Amino acid sequence: MKNLELPFRPRRLRTTAAMRSLVAQTELTPRNLIQVLFVRDGIESPQEIASMPGQYQHTLDSVLDEVSRAIDAGIACIDLFGVPLDEDKDDQGSVAWAEDGILNRAIAAIRHKFGNDIVIMADTCLDEFTSHGHCGPLTTDQFGNTVVDNDASVESYCKMAVAQAKAGAHMVSPSGMMDGQVAAIRQALDDAGFTDVAIMAYSAKYASAFFGPFRDAVGSSLDGDRKSYQQDPANRREGVLEAQLDIEEGADFVMVKPAMAYLDIVREVADFSPVPVAAYQVSGEYAMIEAASANGWVDRERIVLESLSGIKRAGADMILTYYATEVAGWLK
C-alpha cells in the first residue's frame, strides 16, 4: 500500500516510553502532593476507616510515623484533621481551639519532632468538633429556621486558626465556606504575631455527595446537609467568584473541592489566579477507586496515576490526596 501523504504524524511522538516521557506535558511530582491524615483522641492503635480501606484514624504516635514516611517519600506538606472524643464535642465546637484538643496536640507533636522538614497544614473548621456536626454555631433566622451563624462561625475560626498557629502549624485551611472568613483569619493571625502563617482557602467547596466516606473518617455528628453554605454543584461562576473573593481577602492558596467532578472549575480558577491553586481528591473519589480495584475492574496503580494526572492537567498546582505518600513512592 502506498504511504498516505500526511502533513503530520502525531504518532511519531508516542513510539517509545522514552519518547513519551520526553514530550509529556503534565508531570506528577511528590512535592506537589499533599498527604491527608486523621488523628483521633482516645484510641490506643490506628483504626482503619471502613469506607476508606487503607486509610486510618491515627494515634499521636502513629501519626508521627506517617509523617516520617511522607517526608522520606518526598512529600512537602500534610493536611491534618482531628477527631475528638464524643464527650468533648459541644454546640460551639470549643475543643477546636483548646490547647489540649486532639488536633492542636497533634500539630504540636509533629512540629516538635519534624520542625520545618514538612509543611504542617491544619484543617480550620468546626464540623468535626460540634455536637451537631455543622461547620459553626447555630442560630435561628427571622423565619424560625435553624441556620449556621456566619459571623459567629468566622469568629470561632479566628480562635481556631490562632490556636493552630500557636501549636506550630505553618498553614491553616478554613473550609467552612463562611463569607469573610479569609480576611478575618488573616487579621487575627497578624494581630497575634503570626504573619508568616499561610492560609489555604477552601474557596470553591461544593455540597457534594463525594464527601460521604469522609464523615466516617472524622466521626461526624451531622444530621442534615450543608447546602446553605457549601456551593451548589450546578454553579460554575459562583466557584470562580468565591476564589476571587478569597484572593482579595489575602488567601495564599485557593482550593477547589472535590476535584474529579469539578475539573472545569479547577481550570477556570487556574487561568486567572495569581496564587497557587490546589484541588482535593476527596474521600468518595478514593473509595470508588479502591472498590473498583478490589473487584478487579480496574488497574489500581494506573487509574490512581491517571486520576491525579487529570487533576494536575486541569491546572492544579498541588493535589490533596489520600494517595500522596504511596504515589510518591511509585514516582521515585
Protein backbone atom coordinates (compact mmCIF):
# COMPACT_ATOMS: atom_id res chain seq x y z
CA MET A 1 0.00 0.00 0.00
CA LYS A 2 1.22 3.46 -0.83
CA ASN A 3 2.07 5.61 2.18
CA LEU A 4 -0.51 8.24 3.00
CA GLU A 5 0.67 11.73 2.21
CA LEU A 6 0.11 13.19 5.67
CA PRO A 7 1.45 16.60 6.71
CA PHE A 8 1.52 15.50 10.36
CA ARG A 9 2.04 12.13 12.03
CA PRO A 10 1.49 12.72 15.78
CA ARG A 11 2.19 9.04 16.50
CA ARG A 12 5.90 9.72 15.99
CA LEU A 13 5.90 11.25 19.46
CA ARG A 14 4.35 8.11 21.03
CA THR A 15 6.69 5.46 19.68
CA THR A 16 8.64 4.58 22.84
CA ALA A 17 8.42 5.15 26.57
CA ALA A 18 11.43 7.44 26.38
CA MET A 19 9.82 9.49 23.61
CA ARG A 20 6.56 9.75 25.51
CA SER A 21 8.44 10.90 28.59
CA LEU A 22 10.35 13.47 26.56
CA VAL A 23 7.19 15.18 25.30
CA ALA A 24 4.94 14.72 28.36
CA GLN A 25 3.06 17.95 29.06
CA THR A 26 1.97 17.12 32.61
CA GLU A 27 4.21 15.83 35.38
CA LEU A 28 3.29 14.48 38.79
CA THR A 29 5.94 15.03 41.45
CA PRO A 30 5.92 14.13 45.16
CA ARG A 31 6.36 17.77 46.16
CA ASN A 32 3.03 18.66 44.52
CA LEU A 33 1.07 16.05 46.51
CA ILE A 34 -0.34 16.79 49.96
CA GLN A 35 -0.95 13.85 52.29
CA VAL A 36 -4.23 14.00 54.20
CA LEU A 37 -4.10 12.47 57.69
CA PHE A 38 -6.55 11.93 60.55
CA VAL A 39 -5.63 11.83 64.25
CA ARG A 40 -8.18 10.62 66.78
CA ASP A 41 -8.36 11.09 70.52
CA GLY A 42 -8.81 8.19 72.90
CA ILE A 43 -7.54 5.28 70.79
CA GLU A 44 -4.52 3.09 71.51
CA SER A 45 -3.84 1.88 67.97
CA PRO A 46 -4.70 3.09 64.46
CA GLN A 47 -8.28 2.39 63.41
CA GLU A 48 -8.97 1.61 59.75
CA ILE A 49 -11.75 3.68 58.20
CA ALA A 50 -14.32 1.19 56.90
CA SER A 51 -15.42 3.23 53.88
CA MET A 52 -11.82 4.21 53.02
CA PRO A 53 -9.83 0.95 53.08
CA GLY A 54 -6.15 1.58 53.62
CA GLN A 55 -6.74 4.86 55.47
CA TYR A 56 -6.65 5.19 59.25
CA GLN A 57 -7.57 7.33 62.20
CA HIS A 58 -4.17 7.64 63.85
CA THR A 59 -2.92 7.91 67.39
CA LEU A 60 -0.49 10.66 68.33
CA ASP A 61 2.31 8.13 67.97
CA SER A 62 1.25 6.53 64.70
CA VAL A 63 0.62 9.87 63.01
CA LEU A 64 4.28 10.73 63.64
CA ASP A 65 5.24 7.55 61.81
CA GLU A 66 3.03 8.54 58.87
CA VAL A 67 4.57 12.00 58.70
CA SER A 68 8.03 10.42 58.73
CA ARG A 69 7.03 8.17 55.82
CA ALA A 70 5.71 11.17 53.92
CA ILE A 71 8.96 13.09 54.39
CA ASP A 72 11.03 10.09 53.29
CA ALA A 73 8.88 9.82 50.16
CA GLY A 74 9.47 13.46 49.25
CA ILE A 75 6.08 14.84 50.29
CA ALA A 76 6.31 18.54 51.16
CA CYS A 77 3.02 19.05 53.04
CA ILE A 78 0.45 17.25 55.16
CA ASP A 79 -3.15 18.27 55.88
CA LEU A 80 -4.22 17.25 59.36
CA PHE A 81 -7.75 16.62 60.66
CA GLY A 82 -8.62 15.98 64.30
CA VAL A 83 -11.25 13.57 65.63
CA PRO A 84 -12.19 14.42 69.24
CA LEU A 85 -13.92 12.31 71.84
CA ASP A 86 -17.71 12.50 71.54
CA GLU A 87 -17.96 13.86 75.07
CA ASP A 88 -15.65 16.75 74.13
CA LYS A 89 -18.00 18.00 71.42
CA ASP A 90 -20.34 20.89 72.18
CA ASP A 91 -22.61 23.17 70.20
CA GLN A 92 -19.77 25.69 69.69
CA GLY A 93 -17.00 23.22 68.83
CA SER A 94 -14.82 24.79 71.51
CA VAL A 95 -12.36 21.87 71.74
CA ALA A 96 -11.15 23.02 68.30
CA TRP A 97 -9.22 25.91 69.84
CA ALA A 98 -8.36 24.25 73.16
CA GLU A 99 -4.63 23.82 73.64
CA ASP A 100 -5.19 20.23 74.77
CA GLY A 101 -7.60 19.45 71.91
CA ILE A 102 -6.54 16.48 69.80
CA LEU A 103 -5.78 18.49 66.66
CA ASN A 104 -3.62 21.06 68.43
CA ARG A 105 -1.77 18.37 70.38
CA ALA A 106 -1.03 16.56 67.13
CA ILE A 107 0.19 19.74 65.42
CA ALA A 108 2.49 20.44 68.36
CA ALA A 109 3.87 16.89 68.39
CA ILE A 110 4.57 16.94 64.66
CA ARG A 111 6.19 20.37 64.75
CA HIS A 112 8.32 19.36 67.75
CA LYS A 113 9.61 16.24 66.02
CA PHE A 114 9.98 17.45 62.43
CA GLY A 115 10.35 21.22 62.67
CA ASN A 116 10.33 22.71 59.19
CA ASP A 117 11.06 19.45 57.36
CA ILE A 118 7.46 19.36 56.13
CA VAL A 119 4.70 21.95 55.87
CA ILE A 120 2.08 21.31 58.55
CA MET A 121 -1.35 22.38 57.38
CA ALA A 122 -4.32 22.10 59.72
CA ASP A 123 -7.99 21.94 58.83
CA THR A 124 -9.64 25.06 60.21
CA CYS A 125 -13.28 24.12 60.51
CA LEU A 126 -15.66 23.08 63.26
CA ASP A 127 -17.68 20.22 61.78
CA GLU A 128 -15.56 17.54 63.48
CA PHE A 129 -15.86 19.33 66.83
CA THR A 130 -19.51 20.41 67.09
CA SER A 131 -22.14 18.18 68.63
CA HIS A 132 -24.49 18.92 65.70
CA GLY A 133 -21.87 18.36 63.01
CA HIS A 134 -22.22 21.70 61.27
CA CYS A 135 -19.32 23.99 60.44
CA GLY A 136 -20.20 26.62 63.02
CA PRO A 137 -22.60 27.55 65.83
CA LEU A 138 -26.30 27.51 65.01
CA THR A 139 -28.85 30.29 65.24
CA THR A 140 -32.45 30.93 64.22
CA ASP A 141 -33.26 33.20 61.30
CA GLN A 142 -36.21 35.59 61.05
CA PHE A 143 -38.45 32.82 59.75
CA GLY A 144 -37.66 30.43 62.57
CA ASN A 145 -35.28 28.22 60.58
CA THR A 146 -32.15 26.81 62.19
CA VAL A 147 -29.11 28.03 60.27
CA VAL A 148 -25.35 28.29 60.74
CA ASP A 149 -24.42 31.72 62.09
CA ASN A 150 -21.91 33.08 59.55
CA ASP A 151 -20.30 35.81 61.63
CA ALA A 152 -20.15 33.80 64.84
CA SER A 153 -18.56 30.95 62.87
CA VAL A 154 -15.91 33.28 61.47
CA GLU A 155 -15.11 34.47 64.99
CA SER A 156 -14.63 30.84 66.05
CA TYR A 157 -12.42 30.14 63.03
CA CYS A 158 -10.20 33.01 64.07
CA LYS A 159 -9.72 31.49 67.52
CA MET A 160 -9.07 28.11 65.95
CA ALA A 161 -6.53 29.46 63.46
CA VAL A 162 -4.58 31.29 66.16
CA ALA A 163 -4.56 28.16 68.34
CA GLN A 164 -3.26 26.11 65.41
CA ALA A 165 -0.55 28.67 64.72
CA LYS A 166 0.48 28.63 68.38
CA ALA A 167 0.68 24.84 68.25
CA GLY A 168 3.06 25.05 65.29
CA ALA A 169 1.02 24.96 62.08
CA HIS A 170 2.73 26.51 59.07
CA MET A 171 -0.59 26.90 57.31
CA VAL A 172 -4.27 26.98 58.22
CA SER A 173 -7.04 25.93 55.87
CA PRO A 174 -10.51 27.40 56.50
CA SER A 175 -13.03 25.05 54.89
CA GLY A 176 -16.35 26.20 56.33
CA MET A 177 -17.35 28.38 53.35
CA MET A 178 -18.39 31.31 55.55
CA ASP A 179 -18.43 34.76 53.98
CA GLY A 180 -15.43 36.87 55.04
CA GLN A 181 -13.56 34.03 56.73
CA VAL A 182 -10.22 34.55 54.99
CA ALA A 183 -9.93 38.28 55.71
CA ALA A 184 -10.89 37.78 59.36
CA ILE A 185 -8.44 34.91 59.87
CA ARG A 186 -5.63 36.87 58.20
CA GLN A 187 -6.25 39.78 60.56
CA ALA A 188 -6.44 37.51 63.60
CA LEU A 189 -3.18 35.76 62.72
CA ASP A 190 -1.41 39.04 62.06
CA ASP A 191 -2.69 40.57 65.30
CA ALA A 192 -1.40 37.54 67.21
CA GLY A 193 2.04 37.88 65.62
CA PHE A 194 1.72 35.01 63.13
CA THR A 195 2.27 37.00 59.96
CA ASP A 196 4.24 34.12 58.39
CA VAL A 197 1.45 31.55 58.80
CA ALA A 198 -0.15 30.97 55.40
CA ILE A 199 -3.81 30.44 54.52
CA MET A 200 -5.06 27.84 52.05
CA ALA A 201 -8.67 28.80 51.43
CA TYR A 202 -11.24 26.17 50.55
CA SER A 203 -12.61 28.63 48.02
CA ALA A 204 -14.86 26.57 45.76
CA LYS A 205 -16.15 23.85 48.06
CA TYR A 206 -19.29 22.19 46.79
CA ALA A 207 -22.11 20.48 48.71
CA SER A 208 -21.04 17.16 47.25
CA ALA A 209 -22.12 13.54 47.64
CA PHE A 210 -18.44 12.66 47.13
CA PHE A 211 -17.79 13.65 50.76
CA GLY A 212 -19.72 10.67 52.15
CA PRO A 213 -16.85 8.47 53.41
CA PHE A 214 -15.14 11.47 55.00
CA ARG A 215 -17.91 11.64 57.57
CA ASP A 216 -16.86 8.17 58.75
CA ALA A 217 -13.26 9.34 58.88
CA VAL A 218 -13.99 12.22 61.28
CA GLY A 219 -16.88 10.65 63.20
CA SER A 220 -19.26 13.37 62.01
CA SER A 221 -22.37 14.08 64.08
CA LEU A 222 -24.13 15.80 61.18
CA ASP A 223 -27.87 15.40 60.81
CA GLY A 224 -28.98 17.13 57.63
CA ASP A 225 -26.83 18.79 54.98
CA ARG A 226 -24.64 21.82 54.35
CA LYS A 227 -26.35 23.15 51.24
CA SER A 228 -26.98 26.57 52.76
CA TYR A 229 -23.25 27.36 52.96
CA GLN A 230 -21.38 24.99 50.63
CA GLN A 231 -21.83 25.65 46.92
CA ASP A 232 -24.48 24.22 44.61
CA PRO A 233 -22.88 21.63 42.26
CA ALA A 234 -24.88 23.21 39.41
CA ASN A 235 -22.97 26.50 39.64
CA ARG A 236 -19.78 27.41 37.81
CA ARG A 237 -19.44 31.21 38.04
CA GLU A 238 -20.08 31.07 41.78
CA GLY A 239 -16.96 28.99 42.28
CA VAL A 240 -14.88 31.48 40.33
CA LEU A 241 -16.35 34.36 42.35
CA GLU A 242 -15.56 32.66 45.66
CA ALA A 243 -11.95 32.15 44.62
CA GLN A 244 -11.66 35.78 43.51
CA LEU A 245 -13.03 36.99 46.84
CA ASP A 246 -10.62 34.81 48.83
CA ILE A 247 -7.66 36.12 46.84
CA GLU A 248 -8.80 39.69 47.51
CA GLU A 249 -9.09 38.84 51.22
CA GLY A 250 -5.49 37.63 51.38
CA ALA A 251 -5.53 33.88 50.68
CA ASP A 252 -2.07 32.50 49.90
CA PHE A 253 -3.57 29.48 48.12
CA VAL A 254 -7.05 28.74 46.79
CA MET A 255 -8.63 25.32 46.53
CA VAL A 256 -11.35 23.56 44.59
CA LYS A 257 -13.06 20.63 46.32
CA PRO A 258 -13.93 17.96 45.17
CA ALA A 259 -11.63 17.53 42.19
CA MET A 260 -12.88 14.92 39.73
CA ALA A 261 -16.36 16.30 39.02
CA TYR A 262 -15.14 19.91 39.15
CA LEU A 263 -12.14 19.97 36.81
CA ASP A 264 -13.80 22.75 34.81
CA ILE A 265 -13.70 24.90 37.95
CA VAL A 266 -10.07 23.98 38.59
CA ARG A 267 -9.22 25.08 35.05
CA GLU A 268 -11.09 28.37 35.29
CA VAL A 269 -9.61 29.27 38.66
CA ALA A 270 -6.11 28.33 37.48
CA ASP A 271 -6.49 30.54 34.41
CA PHE A 272 -6.86 33.74 36.45
CA SER A 273 -5.38 33.02 39.88
CA PRO A 274 -2.20 34.90 40.84
CA VAL A 275 -1.73 32.49 43.78
CA PRO A 276 -1.19 28.70 43.70
CA VAL A 277 -4.26 26.57 43.07
CA ALA A 278 -4.97 23.31 44.92
CA ALA A 279 -7.56 20.62 44.29
CA TYR A 280 -8.72 17.98 46.76
CA GLN A 281 -9.21 14.39 45.59
CA VAL A 282 -11.84 13.61 48.21
CA SER A 283 -12.93 10.52 50.11
CA GLY A 284 -15.61 9.46 47.62
CA GLU A 285 -13.13 9.58 44.76
CA TYR A 286 -10.71 7.47 46.79
CA ALA A 287 -13.41 4.99 47.84
CA MET A 288 -14.63 4.45 44.27
CA ILE A 289 -11.13 3.71 43.01
CA GLU A 290 -10.48 1.32 45.91
CA ALA A 291 -13.79 -0.51 45.43
CA ALA A 292 -13.30 -0.90 41.69
CA SER A 293 -9.72 -2.10 42.06
CA ALA A 294 -10.65 -4.52 44.86
CA ASN A 295 -13.14 -6.10 42.47
CA GLY A 296 -10.56 -6.39 39.73
CA TRP A 297 -12.44 -3.98 37.46
CA VAL A 298 -9.55 -1.51 37.04
CA ASP A 299 -5.77 -1.47 37.29
CA ARG A 300 -5.29 0.29 40.63
CA GLU A 301 -1.90 1.92 40.05
CA ARG A 302 -2.74 3.07 36.54
CA ILE A 303 -6.09 4.57 37.49
CA VAL A 304 -4.69 6.37 40.54
CA LEU A 305 -1.94 7.95 38.47
CA GLU A 306 -4.36 8.78 35.66
CA SER A 307 -6.83 10.43 38.03
CA LEU A 308 -4.11 12.54 39.64
CA SER A 309 -2.61 13.45 36.27
CA GLY A 310 -6.04 14.63 35.13
CA ILE A 311 -6.33 16.93 38.13
CA LYS A 312 -2.84 18.29 37.51
CA ARG A 313 -3.54 18.71 33.79
CA ALA A 314 -6.67 20.71 34.62
CA GLY A 315 -4.47 23.30 36.31
CA ALA A 316 -3.94 22.29 39.93
CA ASP A 317 -0.51 23.24 41.22
CA MET A 318 -0.93 20.81 44.11
CA ILE A 319 -3.30 17.98 44.97
CA LEU A 320 -4.58 16.96 48.39
CA THR A 321 -4.98 13.20 48.23
CA TYR A 322 -5.07 10.13 50.45
CA TYR A 323 -2.67 8.51 47.98
CA ALA A 324 0.13 11.08 48.32
CA THR A 325 2.80 9.10 50.16
CA GLU A 326 2.07 5.88 48.28
CA VAL A 327 2.15 7.59 44.88
CA ALA A 328 5.35 9.43 45.81
CA GLY A 329 6.94 6.03 46.31
CA TRP A 330 5.81 4.92 42.86
CA LEU A 331 7.14 8.10 41.29
CA LYS A 332 10.54 7.65 42.92
